[in-house]
Amino acid sequence: MAQQRKLGRPSDQRRAMLRGLVTSFLKYGKIETTVTRAKETKNIAEKMITLAKRGDLHARRQVAAFVQEPAVVSDLFENIAPKYAERNGGYTRIYKVGPRRGDGAEVAILELV
């Protein structure tokens, strides 16, 4: 199993943050965050899209257990997943923007391809 990034948080807070990031990402199709958070969000979001491509009830329940908004789950299964039916992975793209003004953290934009 791949090593997860800790992102400087306890496991419960890290999971909650990633759930929020993935939900926002799937809702808006694009988010701006730090590079390391974007990489972690990308991994999880791609897994969610792959589950949605399967389209069965079990996959829907697995996605619903992670994504926080029911409207986003239905949008994922009805609109986003069919768009990537012919594509084998690589549903997202990360653009590095540069350092953030306040703390100098590297910022990136994560978007759907």
Protein backbone atom coordinates (compact mmCIF):
# COMPACT_ATOMS: atom_id res chain seq x y z
CA MET A 1 0.00 0.00 0.00
CA ALA A 2 1.26 3.47 -0.86
CA GLN A 3 2.44 5.80 1.88
CA GLN A 4 0.01 8.61 2.60
CA ARG A 5 1.19 12.15 3.25
CA LYS A 6 0.52 13.30 6.80
CA LEU A 7 -0.02 16.97 5.90
CA GLY A 8 0.87 18.05 9.44
CA ARG A 9 -2.43 16.91 10.97
CA PRO A 10 -3.79 14.10 13.13
CA SER A 11 -5.47 11.34 11.13
CA ASP A 12 -9.07 12.38 11.91
CA GLN A 13 -8.45 16.01 10.91
CA ARG A 14 -6.53 14.91 7.80
CA ARG A 15 -9.41 12.67 6.70
CA ALA A 16 -11.96 15.45 7.31
CA MET A 17 -9.86 17.96 5.35
CA LEU A 18 -9.40 15.58 2.41
CA ARG A 19 -13.13 14.76 2.37
CA GLY A 20 -13.89 18.46 2.16
CA LEU A 21 -11.29 19.05 -0.56
CA VAL A 22 -12.52 16.11 -2.67
CA THR A 23 -16.15 17.19 -2.27
CA SER A 24 -15.35 20.77 -3.31
CA PHE A 25 -13.21 19.56 -6.19
CA LEU A 26 -15.95 17.32 -7.58
CA LYS A 27 -18.54 20.04 -7.02
CA TYR A 28 -16.70 22.85 -8.81
CA GLY A 29 -14.32 20.90 -11.07
CA LYS A 30 -11.40 23.06 -9.96
CA ILE A 31 -9.77 24.07 -6.65
CA GLU A 32 -6.71 26.06 -5.59
CA THR A 33 -4.69 24.65 -2.71
CA THR A 34 -1.12 23.76 -1.75
CA VAL A 35 0.80 21.35 -3.98
CA THR A 36 0.94 18.51 -1.42
CA ARG A 37 -2.77 18.78 -0.64
CA ALA A 38 -3.53 18.86 -4.37
CA LYS A 39 -1.53 15.64 -4.90
CA GLU A 40 -3.39 13.82 -2.11
CA THR A 41 -6.75 15.15 -3.32
CA LYS A 42 -5.92 14.02 -6.86
CA ASN A 43 -5.32 10.43 -5.72
CA ILE A 44 -8.63 10.21 -3.89
CA ALA A 45 -10.67 12.07 -6.52
CA GLU A 46 -9.42 9.77 -9.26
CA LYS A 47 -10.45 6.76 -7.16
CA MET A 48 -13.93 8.29 -6.73
CA ILE A 49 -14.29 8.85 -10.50
CA THR A 50 -13.15 5.27 -11.17
CA LEU A 51 -15.77 3.98 -8.70
CA ALA A 52 -18.42 6.16 -10.36
CA LYS A 53 -17.50 4.70 -13.76
CA ARG A 54 -18.44 1.27 -12.38
CA GLY A 55 -21.86 2.71 -11.65
CA ASP A 56 -23.29 -0.04 -9.43
CA LEU A 57 -24.98 0.39 -6.06
CA HIS A 58 -21.95 -0.73 -4.06
CA ALA A 59 -19.73 1.83 -5.80
CA ARG A 60 -22.33 4.55 -5.16
CA ARG A 61 -22.39 3.69 -1.47
CA GLN A 62 -18.60 3.70 -1.27
CA VAL A 63 -18.47 7.16 -2.85
CA ALA A 64 -21.33 8.41 -0.64
CA ALA A 65 -19.39 7.27 2.45
CA PHE A 66 -16.53 9.61 1.52
CA VAL A 67 -18.07 12.55 -0.38
CA GLN A 68 -19.97 14.85 1.97
CA GLU A 69 -22.80 16.13 -0.26
CA PRO A 70 -25.43 13.81 -1.80
CA ALA A 71 -25.89 16.25 -4.71
CA VAL A 72 -22.20 15.92 -5.57
CA VAL A 73 -22.47 12.10 -5.49
CA SER A 74 -25.37 12.11 -7.95
CA ASP A 75 -23.59 14.67 -10.17
CA LEU A 76 -20.48 12.47 -10.16
CA PHE A 77 -22.42 9.40 -11.29
CA GLU A 78 -24.69 11.16 -13.80
CA ASN A 79 -22.41 13.80 -15.38
CA ILE A 80 -18.73 13.44 -14.52
CA ALA A 81 -18.18 9.66 -14.79
CA PRO A 82 -19.86 9.21 -18.22
CA LYS A 83 -17.57 11.95 -19.58
CA TYR A 84 -14.53 9.76 -18.74
CA ALA A 85 -16.04 6.41 -19.82
CA GLU A 86 -13.42 5.89 -22.55
CA ARG A 87 -10.49 7.21 -20.50
CA ASN A 88 -8.32 4.90 -18.38
CA GLY A 89 -7.25 7.16 -15.50
CA GLY A 90 -5.64 10.59 -15.59
CA TYR A 91 -8.84 12.53 -15.00
CA THR A 92 -7.13 15.44 -13.24
CA ARG A 93 -4.38 17.95 -13.91
CA ILE A 94 -2.22 19.97 -11.48
CA TYR A 95 -0.89 23.41 -12.42
CA LYS A 96 1.71 24.93 -10.11
CA VAL A 97 0.93 28.62 -9.55
CA GLY A 98 3.84 29.71 -7.35
CA PRO A 99 4.38 30.71 -3.72
CA ARG A 100 1.51 32.00 -1.61
CA ARG A 101 1.96 35.55 -0.38
CA GLY A 102 1.29 34.94 3.31
CA ASP A 103 3.51 31.97 4.13
CA GLY A 104 5.34 31.16 0.90
CA ALA A 105 3.69 27.76 0.50
CA GLU A 106 3.68 26.42 -3.08
CA VAL A 107 0.16 26.80 -4.47
CA ALA A 108 -1.36 24.68 -7.24
CA ILE A 109 -4.63 24.52 -9.18
CA LEU A 110 -6.22 21.09 -9.42
CA GLU A 111 -8.75 20.69 -12.22
CA LEU A 112 -10.61 18.04 -14.15
CA VAL A 113 -9.15 17.31 -17.59
